[in-house]
Amino acid sequence: MLAYFRCTDYLVGTLPGDDCYPENHLDHKETVQLSCTDKEFKAKTKNIHRITYYDMYELAVTCNIKPIDGHLSPVLNILDNSKL
């Protein structure tokens, strides 16, 4: 379950393993309003596992943590080599 944070420029959804992910995510039902940019929010954390929503059609997955239990890391920048 994503925990959402509204930065001044973008919407950020944090996932388990992110330093900003709440310990009790079931109680985290509202989007938290922040008075910082996405870059400033990202700089506050060491472990990052999140989805940044730039607009309705563009998003970025950012993950710098090691997956557990044999899981694979997410594919980042999947559209960089796209010929669409």
N, C-alpha and C. Protein backbone atom coordinates (compact mmCIF):
# COMPACT_ATOMS: atom_id res chain seq x y z
N MET A 1 0.84 -1.17 0.00
CA MET A 1 0.00 0.00 0.00
C MET A 1 0.89 1.24 0.00
N LEU A 2 0.65 2.15 -0.91
CA LEU A 2 1.41 3.38 -1.00
C LEU A 2 1.01 4.37 0.10
N ALA A 3 1.98 5.10 0.60
CA ALA A 3 1.73 6.22 1.51
C ALA A 3 2.07 7.47 0.71
N TYR A 4 1.08 8.35 0.52
CA TYR A 4 1.24 9.50 -0.37
C TYR A 4 1.66 10.77 0.37
N PHE A 5 2.56 11.51 -0.29
CA PHE A 5 3.03 12.80 0.18
C PHE A 5 2.91 13.79 -0.97
N ARG A 6 2.25 14.92 -0.75
CA ARG A 6 2.10 15.96 -1.77
C ARG A 6 3.18 17.00 -1.55
N CYS A 7 4.19 17.00 -2.42
CA CYS A 7 5.23 18.03 -2.39
C CYS A 7 4.70 19.25 -3.13
N THR A 8 5.47 20.33 -3.14
CA THR A 8 5.00 21.54 -3.82
C THR A 8 4.93 21.36 -5.33
N ASP A 9 5.69 20.41 -5.87
CA ASP A 9 5.70 20.23 -7.31
C ASP A 9 5.10 18.91 -7.79
N TYR A 10 5.21 17.83 -7.02
CA TYR A 10 4.74 16.52 -7.48
C TYR A 10 4.09 15.74 -6.34
N LEU A 11 3.43 14.65 -6.72
CA LEU A 11 2.87 13.70 -5.75
C LEU A 11 3.83 12.53 -5.65
N VAL A 12 4.17 12.12 -4.43
CA VAL A 12 5.11 11.03 -4.20
C VAL A 12 4.40 9.93 -3.41
N GLY A 13 4.48 8.71 -3.91
CA GLY A 13 3.94 7.55 -3.21
C GLY A 13 5.10 6.71 -2.70
N THR A 14 5.23 6.57 -1.38
CA THR A 14 6.32 5.77 -0.82
C THR A 14 5.87 4.33 -0.62
N LEU A 15 6.82 3.43 -0.73
CA LEU A 15 6.58 1.99 -0.60
C LEU A 15 7.40 1.44 0.55
N PRO A 16 7.10 0.22 1.02
CA PRO A 16 7.88 -0.37 2.12
C PRO A 16 9.37 -0.37 1.80
N GLY A 17 10.17 0.00 2.79
CA GLY A 17 11.61 0.10 2.63
C GLY A 17 12.08 1.53 2.52
N ASP A 18 11.20 2.44 2.12
CA ASP A 18 11.52 3.87 2.04
C ASP A 18 11.58 4.42 3.46
N ASP A 19 12.55 5.29 3.72
CA ASP A 19 12.68 5.88 5.06
C ASP A 19 11.45 6.68 5.48
N CYS A 20 10.69 7.20 4.53
CA CYS A 20 9.49 8.00 4.84
C CYS A 20 8.22 7.16 4.91
N TYR A 21 8.32 5.87 4.63
CA TYR A 21 7.14 5.01 4.70
C TYR A 21 6.73 4.85 6.16
N PRO A 22 5.46 5.09 6.49
CA PRO A 22 5.03 5.02 7.89
C PRO A 22 5.11 3.60 8.46
N GLU A 23 5.43 3.52 9.74
CA GLU A 23 5.54 2.21 10.38
C GLU A 23 4.19 1.49 10.39
N ASN A 24 3.13 2.22 10.68
CA ASN A 24 1.80 1.63 10.66
C ASN A 24 1.05 2.18 9.45
N HIS A 25 1.28 1.57 8.30
CA HIS A 25 0.72 2.09 7.05
C HIS A 25 -0.81 1.98 6.99
N LEU A 26 -1.41 1.14 7.80
CA LEU A 26 -2.86 1.00 7.78
C LEU A 26 -3.56 2.24 8.32
N ASP A 27 -2.88 2.99 9.19
CA ASP A 27 -3.44 4.22 9.74
C ASP A 27 -3.17 5.42 8.84
N HIS A 28 -2.36 5.24 7.83
CA HIS A 28 -1.94 6.33 6.94
C HIS A 28 -2.85 6.35 5.71
N LYS A 29 -4.02 6.98 5.85
CA LYS A 29 -5.00 6.97 4.77
C LYS A 29 -5.08 8.29 4.02
N GLU A 30 -4.55 9.35 4.57
CA GLU A 30 -4.63 10.67 3.96
C GLU A 30 -3.29 11.04 3.32
N THR A 31 -3.34 11.87 2.29
CA THR A 31 -2.13 12.40 1.68
C THR A 31 -1.55 13.47 2.58
N VAL A 32 -0.26 13.37 2.89
CA VAL A 32 0.41 14.34 3.75
C VAL A 32 0.89 15.50 2.87
N GLN A 33 0.52 16.72 3.24
CA GLN A 33 0.93 17.92 2.52
C GLN A 33 2.28 18.39 3.05
N LEU A 34 3.25 18.56 2.15
CA LEU A 34 4.59 19.02 2.53
C LEU A 34 4.87 20.38 1.89
N SER A 35 5.73 21.16 2.53
CA SER A 35 6.09 22.47 1.98
C SER A 35 7.50 22.44 1.41
N CYS A 36 7.84 21.32 0.76
CA CYS A 36 9.15 21.19 0.13
C CYS A 36 8.97 20.60 -1.26
N THR A 37 10.01 20.73 -2.08
CA THR A 37 9.96 20.15 -3.42
C THR A 37 10.28 18.66 -3.35
N ASP A 38 10.04 17.97 -4.44
CA ASP A 38 10.37 16.55 -4.51
C ASP A 38 11.86 16.32 -4.28
N LYS A 39 12.69 17.19 -4.83
CA LYS A 39 14.15 17.07 -4.66
C LYS A 39 14.55 17.21 -3.20
N GLU A 40 13.96 18.18 -2.50
CA GLU A 40 14.25 18.38 -1.08
C GLU A 40 13.76 17.20 -0.25
N PHE A 41 12.59 16.68 -0.60
CA PHE A 41 12.03 15.51 0.10
C PHE A 41 12.92 14.29 -0.10
N LYS A 42 13.43 14.12 -1.31
CA LYS A 42 14.31 12.99 -1.63
C LYS A 42 15.64 13.11 -0.88
N ALA A 43 16.15 14.33 -0.72
CA ALA A 43 17.44 14.56 -0.07
C ALA A 43 17.40 14.24 1.42
N LYS A 44 16.21 14.20 2.01
CA LYS A 44 16.07 13.94 3.45
C LYS A 44 16.21 12.46 3.80
N THR A 45 16.21 11.58 2.80
CA THR A 45 16.19 10.15 3.07
C THR A 45 17.38 9.44 2.45
N LYS A 46 17.76 8.34 3.08
CA LYS A 46 18.85 7.51 2.56
C LYS A 46 18.28 6.36 1.72
N ASN A 47 17.30 5.66 2.28
CA ASN A 47 16.68 4.52 1.59
C ASN A 47 15.44 5.00 0.85
N ILE A 48 15.45 4.86 -0.48
CA ILE A 48 14.37 5.38 -1.31
C ILE A 48 13.71 4.24 -2.07
N HIS A 49 12.38 4.15 -1.94
CA HIS A 49 11.56 3.18 -2.68
C HIS A 49 10.22 3.87 -2.90
N ARG A 50 10.09 4.54 -4.05
CA ARG A 50 8.91 5.38 -4.25
C ARG A 50 8.56 5.56 -5.72
N ILE A 51 7.35 6.05 -5.92
CA ILE A 51 6.85 6.41 -7.24
C ILE A 51 6.54 7.90 -7.20
N THR A 52 7.12 8.65 -8.13
CA THR A 52 6.86 10.08 -8.23
C THR A 52 5.95 10.31 -9.42
N TYR A 53 4.82 10.93 -9.18
CA TYR A 53 3.84 11.23 -10.22
C TYR A 53 4.02 12.68 -10.66
N TYR A 54 4.53 12.87 -11.88
CA TYR A 54 4.74 14.22 -12.41
C TYR A 54 3.44 14.81 -12.94
N ASP A 55 2.66 14.01 -13.60
CA ASP A 55 1.34 14.39 -14.06
C ASP A 55 0.55 13.11 -14.30
N MET A 56 -0.58 13.22 -14.96
CA MET A 56 -1.44 12.05 -15.16
C MET A 56 -0.78 10.97 -16.03
N TYR A 57 0.16 11.37 -16.87
CA TYR A 57 0.73 10.44 -17.84
C TYR A 57 2.20 10.11 -17.60
N GLU A 58 2.85 10.79 -16.70
CA GLU A 58 4.28 10.58 -16.49
C GLU A 58 4.58 10.31 -15.02
N LEU A 59 5.34 9.24 -14.80
CA LEU A 59 5.75 8.89 -13.44
C LEU A 59 7.15 8.30 -13.48
N ALA A 60 7.78 8.22 -12.33
CA ALA A 60 9.11 7.63 -12.23
C ALA A 60 9.17 6.74 -10.99
N VAL A 61 9.73 5.56 -11.16
CA VAL A 61 9.97 4.65 -10.05
C VAL A 61 11.42 4.84 -9.62
N THR A 62 11.63 5.09 -8.34
CA THR A 62 12.98 5.27 -7.81
C THR A 62 13.18 4.27 -6.68
N CYS A 63 14.24 3.48 -6.80
CA CYS A 63 14.51 2.45 -5.79
C CYS A 63 16.01 2.27 -5.64
N ASN A 64 16.53 2.52 -4.44
CA ASN A 64 17.95 2.29 -4.20
C ASN A 64 18.17 1.28 -3.07
N ILE A 65 17.13 0.54 -2.71
CA ILE A 65 17.26 -0.47 -1.66
C ILE A 65 17.40 -1.85 -2.30
N LYS A 66 18.04 -2.74 -1.58
CA LYS A 66 18.22 -4.10 -2.07
C LYS A 66 16.94 -4.90 -1.80
N PRO A 67 16.40 -5.56 -2.84
CA PRO A 67 15.19 -6.36 -2.64
C PRO A 67 15.44 -7.52 -1.68
N ILE A 68 14.38 -7.93 -0.99
CA ILE A 68 14.49 -9.06 -0.07
C ILE A 68 13.83 -10.30 -0.66
N ASP A 69 14.11 -11.42 -0.11
CA ASP A 69 13.47 -12.69 -0.46
C ASP A 69 13.60 -13.06 -1.93
N GLY A 70 14.72 -12.70 -2.57
CA GLY A 70 14.95 -13.09 -3.95
C GLY A 70 14.16 -12.30 -4.97
N HIS A 71 13.53 -11.22 -4.56
CA HIS A 71 12.77 -10.40 -5.51
C HIS A 71 13.73 -9.64 -6.41
N LEU A 72 13.24 -9.20 -7.56
CA LEU A 72 14.03 -8.42 -8.50
C LEU A 72 13.79 -6.93 -8.27
N SER A 73 14.79 -6.13 -8.57
CA SER A 73 14.63 -4.68 -8.50
C SER A 73 13.72 -4.22 -9.62
N PRO A 74 13.01 -3.11 -9.43
CA PRO A 74 12.14 -2.62 -10.51
C PRO A 74 12.96 -2.14 -11.70
N VAL A 75 12.36 -2.22 -12.88
CA VAL A 75 13.00 -1.72 -14.08
C VAL A 75 12.84 -0.21 -14.08
N LEU A 76 13.95 0.50 -14.13
CA LEU A 76 13.92 1.95 -14.11
C LEU A 76 14.15 2.49 -15.52
N ASN A 77 13.55 3.58 -15.85
CA ASN A 77 13.71 4.24 -17.16
C ASN A 77 13.37 3.31 -18.31
N ILE A 78 12.27 2.63 -18.21
CA ILE A 78 11.87 1.66 -19.23
C ILE A 78 11.60 2.32 -20.58
N LEU A 79 11.22 3.59 -20.59
CA LEU A 79 10.88 4.25 -21.84
C LEU A 79 12.08 4.92 -22.52
N ASP A 80 13.25 4.91 -21.89
CA ASP A 80 14.42 5.57 -22.48
C ASP A 80 14.78 5.00 -23.85
N ASN A 81 14.65 3.70 -24.03
CA ASN A 81 15.01 3.07 -25.29
C ASN A 81 13.80 2.77 -26.16
N SER A 82 12.66 3.30 -25.80
CA SER A 82 11.44 3.04 -26.55
C SER A 82 11.46 3.73 -27.90
N LYS A 83 10.91 3.08 -28.89
CA LYS A 83 10.84 3.66 -30.23
C LYS A 83 9.43 4.14 -30.55
N LEU A 84 8.62 4.29 -29.51
CA LEU A 84 7.25 4.78 -29.72
C LEU A 84 7.23 6.26 -29.94
